[in-house]
């Protein structure tokens, strides 16, 4: 029973920390371009021009 005194607040704190991290990622626009990385892998990069 004494363990619950520590485990319940620890679980709530970790849950709130995860929620805060997720909300920060949304605010930082981390999830905006979901298709860009998937389609970028299909195309070759343009060749670089070498300096002479």
C-alpha atoms as a PDB file:
ATOM      1  CA  UNK A   1       0.000   0.000   0.000  1.00  0.00           C
ATOM      2  CA  UNK A   2       2.879   2.372   0.714  1.00  0.00           C
ATOM      3  CA  UNK A   3       4.211   1.773  -2.786  1.00  0.00           C
ATOM      4  CA  UNK A   4       1.037   3.232  -4.283  1.00  0.00           C
ATOM      5  CA  UNK A   5       1.777   6.529  -2.573  1.00  0.00           C
ATOM      6  CA  UNK A   6       4.881   6.816  -4.751  1.00  0.00           C
ATOM      7  CA  UNK A   7       3.801   4.959  -7.889  1.00  0.00           C
ATOM      8  CA  UNK A   8       0.541   6.805  -8.601  1.00  0.00           C
ATOM      9  CA  UNK A   9       2.090  10.313  -8.542  1.00  0.00           C
ATOM     10  CA  UNK A  10       5.075   9.022 -10.519  1.00  0.00           C
ATOM     11  CA  UNK A  11       2.756   7.579 -13.176  1.00  0.00           C
ATOM     12  CA  UNK A  12       0.762  10.809 -13.345  1.00  0.00           C
ATOM     13  CA  UNK A  13       3.939  12.871 -13.619  1.00  0.00           C
ATOM     14  CA  UNK A  14       5.308  10.693 -16.425  1.00  0.00           C
ATOM     15  CA  UNK A  15       1.961  10.864 -18.244  1.00  0.00           C
ATOM     16  CA  UNK A  16       1.904  14.641 -18.001  1.00  0.00           C
ATOM     17  CA  UNK A  17       5.511  14.803 -19.163  1.00  0.00           C
ATOM     18  CA  UNK A  18       4.652  12.689 -22.210  1.00  0.00           C
ATOM     19  CA  UNK A  19       1.609  14.832 -22.947  1.00  0.00           C
ATOM     20  CA  UNK A  20       3.696  18.000 -22.655  1.00  0.00           C
ATOM     21  CA  UNK A  21       6.271  16.533 -25.049  1.00  0.00           C
ATOM     22  CA  UNK A  22       3.578  15.614 -27.551  1.00  0.00           C
ATOM     23  CA  UNK A  23       1.986  19.063 -27.363  1.00  0.00           C
ATOM     24  CA  UNK A  24       5.414  20.659 -27.810  1.00  0.00           C
ATOM     25  CA  UNK A  25       5.979  18.534 -30.935  1.00  0.00           C
ATOM     26  CA  UNK A  26       2.635  19.655 -32.323  1.00  0.00           C
ATOM     27  CA  UNK A  27       3.456  23.296 -31.612  1.00  0.00           C
ATOM     28  CA  UNK A  28       6.903  22.903 -33.213  1.00  0.00           C
ATOM     29  CA  UNK A  29       5.160  21.571 -36.360  1.00  0.00           C
ATOM     30  CA  UNK A  30       6.931  18.197 -36.285  1.00  0.00           C
ATOM     31  CA  UNK A  31       3.981  16.351 -37.858  1.00  0.00           C
ATOM     32  CA  UNK A  32       3.180  18.681 -40.753  1.00  0.00           C
ATOM     33  CA  UNK A  33       4.859  16.972 -43.723  1.00  0.00           C
ATOM     34  CA  UNK A  34       4.101  13.259 -43.441  1.00  0.00           C
ATOM     35  CA  UNK A  35       4.253  12.546 -47.184  1.00  0.00           C
ATOM     36  CA  UNK A  36       7.392  14.545 -47.975  1.00  0.00           C
ATOM     37  CA  UNK A  37       9.905  12.102 -46.516  1.00  0.00           C
ATOM     38  CA  UNK A  38       8.069   9.131 -48.018  1.00  0.00           C
ATOM     39  CA  UNK A  39       8.157  10.566 -51.536  1.00  0.00           C
ATOM     40  CA  UNK A  40      11.662  12.039 -51.243  1.00  0.00           C
ATOM     41  CA  UNK A  41      13.156   8.550 -50.962  1.00  0.00           C
ATOM     42  CA  UNK A  42      11.835   7.690 -54.433  1.00  0.00           C
ATOM     43  CA  UNK A  43      13.710  10.405 -56.306  1.00  0.00           C
ATOM     44  CA  UNK A  44      17.424  10.723 -56.933  1.00  0.00           C
ATOM     45  CA  UNK A  45      19.240  13.810 -55.788  1.00  0.00           C
ATOM     46  CA  UNK A  46      20.299  16.269 -58.453  1.00  0.00           C
ATOM     47  CA  UNK A  47      23.958  15.847 -59.412  1.00  0.00           C
ATOM     48  CA  UNK A  48      26.275  18.405 -57.884  1.00  0.00           C
ATOM     49  CA  UNK A  49      28.290  20.647 -60.146  1.00  0.00           C
ATOM     50  CA  UNK A  50      31.973  20.260 -59.415  1.00  0.00           C
ATOM     51  CA  UNK A  51      34.089  23.375 -59.006  1.00  0.00           C
ATOM     52  CA  UNK A  52      36.990  23.557 -61.424  1.00  0.00           C
END
